[in-house]
Each structure stands twice: as C-alpha cells, then as structure tokens.
Amino acid sequence: MNKKSLNTFRSIRKGIRSALVGIIVSILLAVIKGVAGIIGNSYALVADAIESVSDVVTSLVVIAGLKIASKPADHDHPYGHGKAEPIAVIIVSLALFAAAIIIIVQSIHEIITPHHAPEPFTLLVLILVVIVKESLFRFVIRVGESVKSTVVKTDAWHHRSDAITSSFAFIGISIALIGGKGYEMADDWAALCASGIIIYSANKLGLIGLKEIMDTAPPKEILEKVKELGLSVEGVLSLDKCFVRKMGLDFFVDLHVIVDGKISVYEGHQIAHKVKDKIITEFPRISDVLVHIEPNDNLNFK
C-alpha cells in the first residue's frame, strides 16, 4: 500500500470510528428518551427518540458509504468508488426528511388529542441529551473536517439536528409546565417546530450530495493551489484549462499545460510528468492528474 492509499485508508477508518461512536450514543439516547417520553407523557421526547433512531440508521449508511468509497478502482469503476460517498449523503438527507414527516404527523395527532402536561423530570433528560448530542456533533464534525469527508460532516449535522430537536422539546415542556392548564400541547408544538429545522437541514445536506454527484467545481482555493503548483514546474509557460472534481475523499484534475511549441514530444511528455508528480506530491488529496500538453504558438493569448 503506497503512502497516498495508506492516508486514504486511515481517513476512512477515522470516519467509520466516528460513525460507530455515534451509533452507540444514539442507541442509548433513543432508549432513554423513548422511556422518559412515555412515562413522562411527552410526545416531544418520543419524537426526539425517533430522531435518535434515525441517527442510528444514517450512521450505518455512513459506514457503508465510506467502506464502498474506499474500494480501489477496478475494470467497471476506473475512477474508483468515491461516488458512494455523496450517494450516502443523499440517503442520509432522505432519512432526515422521513424522520421529520413522522414527527409532523404524530405532533399534529397529539395536538388535536387532549392529554396531560409532561412530567418535570423530562426537562433533566433533555438537558442531558442536548449536552451529549452537541458534544457528539463537535467530535464528528472535527473528524469530518480532518478527513475532508462530506458524508462524515453530514452525519455530524444529523447529530446537531437531534440537539436542536431536544432544545425545542425543552422549551415546549417548560412552557407546558409553567403555563399550566391549557398549555399541555406546548411540547407537541415544539416537536412540530423542530421538524421544520430538521427539514431545512435535510435539504441543505441533500444539496451538498447532489452537487458532488454532479461534479460541481470545488472551492476556489483548491483550483488556485493546483494552478500555482502547475505553473511552478520548469518548462510550463502558462495554463489553458484546469478542471477539478471530487471523488469520495480524493480529487481528480484535468489540466491543459502550455509549453514551447518547438520542443520535442519527449520533452513535452517529461514536462507533463513533472507537473503531475509536483501536484500529487504537494497536494496529497489529489489522486490523479491528467495533463494535456499544448504548444504556445497555436493559441491566442489575451
């Protein structure tokens, strides 16, 4: 295994470990919130438990996506399996939408059905949930940023949406307890409002996945870095085109390099290899560079 493959393997492993931590925490919280919600007469907590269950499902999708994305290129997938990552992102966002719809339906049912106010102890449960989920978000988002994984960062935001849902539930139950008779449904309205936040997050994350599948250009700084490295190679006069696309955790580059039109094919070929080696060596996240050599006397410079 070469250095680049080893780095990718380590990044995948870190992402999978963060997802496993999320699964364990989400299972524990789902049980705690579900039991507390039923005993404490709070549908907002039950809805929160449903959200935690969806966290478990989406974290499993994240693990599957990372494992598939880490597979090497083969005859059927010459560019590798990196697109499994944005597909996993879209699946996670759809799971968020589904969870939000379930919460909306049940919240409306609880609003039109008379019931008692939640028990005070449910507030303590929610405080615990918010602290744990926000801490989990911060942990997973750091991992996602360090390995540059879209699906891991999406998983992190799924945990934050759970913290947001719990925060809304806390507010709703507090209003129900303070307001007394006539305010029993406040936590159901809180769950309904939280579902709106979840839908917003799902839409935002889904668009990120779609953009990656559609090979949307990466951040400008990545393009500028590639161009800077290409121009630093001796024999490169200028650059014509530079395209970069993300494939899983790595990037692929298509670069048109302008050289002296009077040099030999062999010399042009050597320059192309130097450009490729320079970019890949200095930019570890770039998996491959396709260099097209163009002579300067066939182009009109502006």
Protein backbone atom coordinates (compact mmCIF):
# COMPACT_ATOMS: atom_id res chain seq x y z
CA MET A 1 0.00 0.00 0.00
CA ASN A 2 1.53 3.35 -1.08
CA LYS A 3 1.56 6.45 1.11
CA LYS A 4 -1.47 8.03 -0.58
CA SER A 5 -3.54 4.83 -0.27
CA LEU A 6 -2.47 4.49 3.36
CA ASN A 7 -3.61 8.05 4.13
CA THR A 8 -6.95 7.40 2.46
CA PHE A 9 -7.35 4.15 4.42
CA ARG A 10 -6.61 5.96 7.69
CA SER A 11 -9.12 8.68 6.83
CA ILE A 12 -11.80 6.10 6.05
CA ARG A 13 -11.06 4.29 9.30
CA LYS A 14 -11.36 7.54 11.31
CA GLY A 15 -14.69 8.28 9.64
CA ILE A 16 -16.01 4.79 10.39
CA ARG A 17 -14.92 5.03 14.04
CA SER A 18 -16.75 8.34 14.46
CA ALA A 19 -19.89 6.80 12.95
CA LEU A 20 -19.65 3.83 15.34
CA VAL A 21 -19.40 6.18 18.31
CA GLY A 22 -22.49 7.98 17.01
CA ILE A 23 -24.39 4.68 16.71
CA ILE A 24 -23.63 3.64 20.31
CA VAL A 25 -24.57 7.06 21.73
CA SER A 26 -27.73 7.33 19.61
CA ILE A 27 -28.97 3.88 20.68
CA LEU A 28 -28.53 4.76 24.36
CA LEU A 29 -30.23 8.13 23.95
CA ALA A 30 -33.09 6.66 21.90
CA VAL A 31 -33.88 4.23 24.74
CA ILE A 32 -33.59 6.91 27.44
CA LYS A 33 -35.74 9.42 25.54
CA GLY A 34 -38.32 6.86 24.48
CA VAL A 35 -38.84 5.52 28.01
CA ALA A 36 -38.78 9.00 29.56
CA GLY A 37 -41.22 10.32 26.95
CA ILE A 38 -43.75 7.52 27.52
CA ILE A 39 -43.53 7.63 31.31
CA GLY A 40 -43.29 11.42 31.41
CA ASN A 41 -46.21 11.96 29.00
CA SER A 42 -44.13 13.95 26.50
CA TYR A 43 -44.51 13.33 22.80
CA ALA A 44 -41.71 15.82 22.14
CA LEU A 45 -39.36 13.35 23.86
CA VAL A 46 -40.84 10.41 21.95
CA ALA A 47 -40.32 12.36 18.72
CA ASP A 48 -36.78 13.01 19.87
CA ALA A 49 -36.30 9.27 20.37
CA ILE A 50 -37.48 8.67 16.80
CA GLU A 51 -34.87 11.18 15.62
CA SER A 52 -32.19 9.29 17.54
CA VAL A 53 -33.25 6.02 15.91
CA SER A 54 -32.86 7.69 12.52
CA ASP A 55 -29.37 8.73 13.67
CA VAL A 56 -28.51 5.06 14.07
CA VAL A 57 -29.79 4.22 10.60
CA THR A 58 -27.97 7.11 8.94
CA SER A 59 -24.71 6.31 10.74
CA LEU A 60 -24.95 2.78 9.34
CA VAL A 61 -25.42 4.32 5.89
CA VAL A 62 -22.36 6.50 6.51
CA ILE A 63 -20.26 3.43 7.37
CA ALA A 64 -21.49 1.58 4.27
CA GLY A 65 -20.79 4.63 2.09
CA LEU A 66 -17.27 5.03 3.44
CA LYS A 67 -16.46 1.35 3.01
CA ILE A 68 -17.66 1.31 -0.60
CA ALA A 69 -15.91 4.61 -1.37
CA SER A 70 -12.63 3.18 -0.06
CA LYS A 71 -12.60 0.33 -2.60
CA PRO A 72 -9.85 0.69 -5.22
CA ALA A 73 -10.52 1.28 -8.92
CA ASP A 74 -11.43 -1.76 -10.98
CA HIS A 75 -12.44 -2.65 -14.55
CA ASP A 76 -16.02 -1.42 -14.08
CA HIS A 77 -15.04 1.61 -11.97
CA PRO A 78 -11.80 3.01 -13.41
CA TYR A 79 -12.12 6.18 -11.31
CA GLY A 80 -12.77 4.24 -8.11
CA HIS A 81 -15.92 4.03 -5.98
CA GLY A 82 -15.78 7.53 -4.49
CA LYS A 83 -19.28 8.49 -5.68
CA ALA A 84 -20.64 6.15 -2.99
CA GLU A 85 -19.92 8.95 -0.52
CA PRO A 86 -22.29 11.61 -1.96
CA ILE A 87 -24.89 8.88 -2.58
CA ALA A 88 -24.70 8.09 1.15
CA VAL A 89 -25.11 11.83 1.87
CA ILE A 90 -28.34 11.90 -0.15
CA ILE A 91 -29.65 8.78 1.61
CA VAL A 92 -28.93 10.40 4.98
CA SER A 93 -30.78 13.56 3.94
CA LEU A 94 -33.77 11.48 2.80
CA ALA A 95 -33.76 9.71 6.18
CA LEU A 96 -33.88 13.13 7.84
CA PHE A 97 -36.87 14.09 5.68
CA ALA A 98 -38.61 10.84 6.65
CA ALA A 99 -37.97 11.43 10.35
CA ALA A 100 -39.33 14.97 10.07
CA ILE A 101 -42.51 13.78 8.34
CA ILE A 102 -43.11 11.15 11.05
CA ILE A 103 -42.68 13.82 13.73
CA ILE A 104 -45.05 16.22 11.93
CA VAL A 105 -47.80 13.60 11.58
CA GLN A 106 -47.56 12.47 15.20
CA SER A 107 -47.28 16.04 16.52
CA ILE A 108 -50.48 17.06 14.74
CA HIS A 109 -52.20 13.95 16.13
CA GLU A 110 -51.09 14.85 19.67
CA ILE A 111 -52.16 18.48 19.26
CA ILE A 112 -55.74 17.53 18.39
CA THR A 113 -55.86 14.82 21.07
CA PRO A 114 -56.32 16.09 24.67
CA HIS A 115 -53.65 14.86 27.09
CA HIS A 116 -51.87 15.71 30.33
CA ALA A 117 -48.88 18.01 30.62
CA PRO A 118 -45.41 16.39 30.59
CA GLU A 119 -43.69 15.47 33.85
CA PRO A 120 -40.98 17.86 35.17
CA PHE A 121 -38.24 15.20 35.16
CA THR A 122 -38.35 15.15 31.35
CA LEU A 123 -36.53 18.50 31.38
CA LEU A 124 -33.49 16.92 33.05
CA VAL A 125 -33.44 14.21 30.39
CA LEU A 126 -33.50 16.83 27.65
CA ILE A 127 -30.64 18.81 29.20
CA LEU A 128 -28.56 15.63 29.20
CA VAL A 129 -29.49 14.90 25.59
CA VAL A 130 -28.59 18.39 24.34
CA ILE A 131 -25.18 18.29 26.05
CA VAL A 132 -24.35 14.80 24.77
CA LYS A 133 -25.57 15.41 21.21
CA GLU A 134 -23.86 18.78 20.84
CA SER A 135 -20.62 17.22 22.11
CA LEU A 136 -21.04 14.37 19.64
CA PHE A 137 -21.63 16.89 16.82
CA ARG A 138 -18.41 18.72 17.66
CA PHE A 139 -16.45 15.45 17.77
CA VAL A 140 -17.79 14.11 14.46
CA ILE A 141 -17.53 17.45 12.61
CA ARG A 142 -13.84 17.65 13.61
CA VAL A 143 -13.29 14.19 12.19
CA GLY A 144 -15.18 15.14 9.02
CA GLU A 145 -13.07 18.26 8.56
CA SER A 146 -9.81 16.41 9.21
CA VAL A 147 -10.54 13.66 6.66
CA LYS A 148 -12.39 16.03 4.29
CA SER A 149 -15.40 13.70 4.10
CA THR A 150 -18.76 15.13 3.08
CA VAL A 151 -20.71 12.16 4.41
CA VAL A 152 -19.00 12.29 7.84
CA LYS A 153 -19.78 16.00 8.11
CA THR A 154 -23.37 15.22 7.10
CA ASP A 155 -23.52 12.64 9.88
CA ALA A 156 -22.31 15.32 12.30
CA TRP A 157 -25.10 17.70 11.29
CA HIS A 158 -27.57 14.89 11.82
CA HIS A 159 -26.44 14.80 15.45
CA ARG A 160 -26.83 18.55 15.74
CA SER A 161 -30.38 18.33 14.38
CA ASP A 162 -31.08 15.94 17.27
CA ALA A 163 -29.70 18.52 19.71
CA ILE A 164 -31.93 21.16 18.09
CA THR A 165 -34.98 18.90 18.39
CA SER A 166 -34.21 18.35 22.08
CA SER A 167 -33.78 22.09 22.63
CA PHE A 168 -37.20 22.76 21.13
CA ALA A 169 -38.67 19.99 23.28
CA PHE A 170 -37.12 21.58 26.38
CA ILE A 171 -38.71 24.92 25.53
CA GLY A 172 -42.09 23.33 24.81
CA ILE A 173 -42.18 21.28 28.02
CA SER A 174 -41.07 24.31 30.04
CA ILE A 175 -43.96 26.34 28.61
CA ALA A 176 -46.40 23.49 29.32
CA LEU A 177 -45.25 23.23 32.95
CA ILE A 178 -45.11 26.96 33.61
CA GLY A 179 -48.35 27.77 31.76
CA GLY A 180 -50.35 25.02 33.44
CA LYS A 181 -53.83 24.13 32.25
CA GLY A 182 -54.38 24.98 28.59
CA TYR A 183 -50.68 24.73 27.72
CA GLU A 184 -50.44 20.91 27.73
CA MET A 185 -49.81 20.82 23.99
CA ALA A 186 -46.84 23.18 24.04
CA ASP A 187 -44.32 20.34 23.73
CA ASP A 188 -46.22 18.97 20.71
CA TRP A 189 -45.98 22.35 19.02
CA ALA A 190 -42.28 22.35 19.91
CA ALA A 191 -41.86 18.99 18.18
CA LEU A 192 -43.66 20.40 15.15
CA CYS A 193 -41.33 23.40 15.03
CA ALA A 194 -38.29 21.16 15.43
CA SER A 195 -39.38 19.15 12.39
CA GLY A 196 -39.08 22.33 10.33
CA ILE A 197 -35.45 22.69 11.41
CA ILE A 198 -34.81 19.05 10.50
CA ILE A 199 -36.31 19.55 7.02
CA TYR A 200 -34.10 22.61 6.50
CA SER A 201 -31.00 20.61 7.50
CA ALA A 202 -32.03 17.68 5.28
CA ASN A 203 -32.47 19.97 2.28
CA LYS A 204 -29.12 21.66 2.85
CA LEU A 205 -27.25 18.37 3.22
CA GLY A 206 -29.03 16.78 0.26
CA LEU A 207 -27.97 19.65 -2.00
CA ILE A 208 -24.34 19.11 -0.96
CA GLY A 209 -24.57 15.48 -2.03
CA LEU A 210 -26.24 16.35 -5.32
CA LYS A 211 -23.59 18.94 -6.13
CA GLU A 212 -20.85 16.40 -5.57
CA ILE A 213 -22.57 13.82 -7.77
CA MET A 214 -22.95 16.49 -10.48
CA ASP A 215 -19.18 17.21 -10.27
CA THR A 216 -19.67 20.78 -9.12
CA ALA A 217 -16.37 22.68 -9.02
CA PRO A 218 -14.55 22.51 -5.65
CA PRO A 219 -13.74 25.60 -3.56
CA LYS A 220 -11.76 28.27 -5.40
CA GLU A 221 -8.70 27.83 -3.18
CA ILE A 222 -8.23 24.25 -4.40
CA LEU A 223 -8.25 25.36 -8.05
CA GLU A 224 -5.80 28.17 -7.28
CA LYS A 225 -3.47 25.78 -5.45
CA VAL A 226 -3.45 23.36 -8.40
CA LYS A 227 -2.72 26.17 -10.85
CA GLU A 228 0.06 27.53 -8.64
CA LEU A 229 1.73 24.12 -8.46
CA GLY A 230 1.40 23.57 -12.21
CA LEU A 231 2.93 26.92 -13.08
CA SER A 232 5.86 26.30 -10.73
CA VAL A 233 7.20 23.49 -12.93
CA GLU A 234 10.09 24.42 -15.23
CA GLY A 235 9.04 24.45 -18.88
CA VAL A 236 5.42 25.40 -18.19
CA LEU A 237 4.69 28.71 -19.89
CA SER A 238 1.05 29.01 -18.93
CA LEU A 239 -2.13 27.06 -18.24
CA ASP A 240 -5.15 26.94 -20.53
CA LYS A 241 -7.79 24.90 -18.69
CA CYS A 242 -7.97 23.49 -15.18
CA PHE A 243 -10.82 21.23 -14.04
CA VAL A 244 -11.01 19.61 -10.61
CA ARG A 245 -13.69 17.23 -9.38
CA LYS A 246 -14.18 15.43 -6.09
CA MET A 247 -14.40 11.64 -5.98
CA GLY A 248 -15.00 10.40 -2.45
CA LEU A 249 -12.18 11.68 -0.25
CA ASP A 250 -9.91 12.48 -3.20
CA PHE A 251 -9.79 14.86 -6.16
CA PHE A 252 -9.10 14.28 -9.85
CA VAL A 253 -7.52 17.00 -12.01
CA ASP A 254 -7.65 17.67 -15.77
CA LEU A 255 -5.02 20.24 -16.72
CA HIS A 256 -4.08 21.81 -20.06
CA VAL A 257 -0.46 22.93 -19.92
CA ILE A 258 1.05 25.35 -22.46
CA VAL A 259 4.70 24.75 -23.41
CA ASP A 260 7.13 25.93 -26.07
CA GLY A 261 5.79 24.58 -29.37
CA LYS A 262 9.28 23.92 -30.66
CA ILE A 263 10.31 21.32 -28.09
CA SER A 264 10.14 17.59 -28.86
CA VAL A 265 7.25 15.30 -27.99
CA TYR A 266 9.53 13.59 -25.49
CA GLU A 267 10.35 16.87 -23.73
CA GLY A 268 6.66 17.76 -23.58
CA HIS A 269 5.92 14.35 -22.14
CA GLN A 270 8.58 14.85 -19.45
CA ILE A 271 7.12 18.23 -18.50
CA ALA A 272 3.66 16.65 -18.20
CA HIS A 273 5.02 14.01 -15.80
CA LYS A 274 6.78 16.67 -13.72
CA VAL A 275 3.54 18.65 -13.45
CA LYS A 276 1.61 15.56 -12.37
CA ASP A 277 4.25 14.49 -9.84
CA LYS A 278 4.52 18.01 -8.43
CA ILE A 279 0.78 18.40 -7.87
CA ILE A 280 0.27 14.92 -6.39
CA THR A 281 3.30 15.27 -4.10
CA GLU A 282 2.36 18.72 -2.81
CA PHE A 283 -1.40 18.09 -2.66
CA PRO A 284 -1.99 14.65 -1.01
CA ARG A 285 -5.76 14.78 -1.54
CA ILE A 286 -5.34 14.71 -5.33
CA SER A 287 -5.47 11.11 -6.54
CA ASP A 288 -4.63 11.63 -10.23
CA VAL A 289 -3.76 14.39 -12.69
CA LEU A 290 -4.41 14.15 -16.43
CA VAL A 291 -2.11 16.60 -18.22
CA HIS A 292 -2.75 17.70 -21.80
CA ILE A 293 0.21 19.46 -23.47
CA GLU A 294 -0.49 22.37 -25.85
CA PRO A 295 2.03 24.38 -27.90
CA ASN A 296 2.09 28.11 -27.29
CA ASP A 297 2.24 29.05 -31.00
CA ASN A 298 -1.24 27.60 -31.60
CA LEU A 299 -3.01 29.76 -29.01
CA ASN A 300 -4.07 33.37 -28.96
CA PHE A 301 -3.11 34.90 -25.64
CA LYS A 302 -5.20 37.71 -24.25
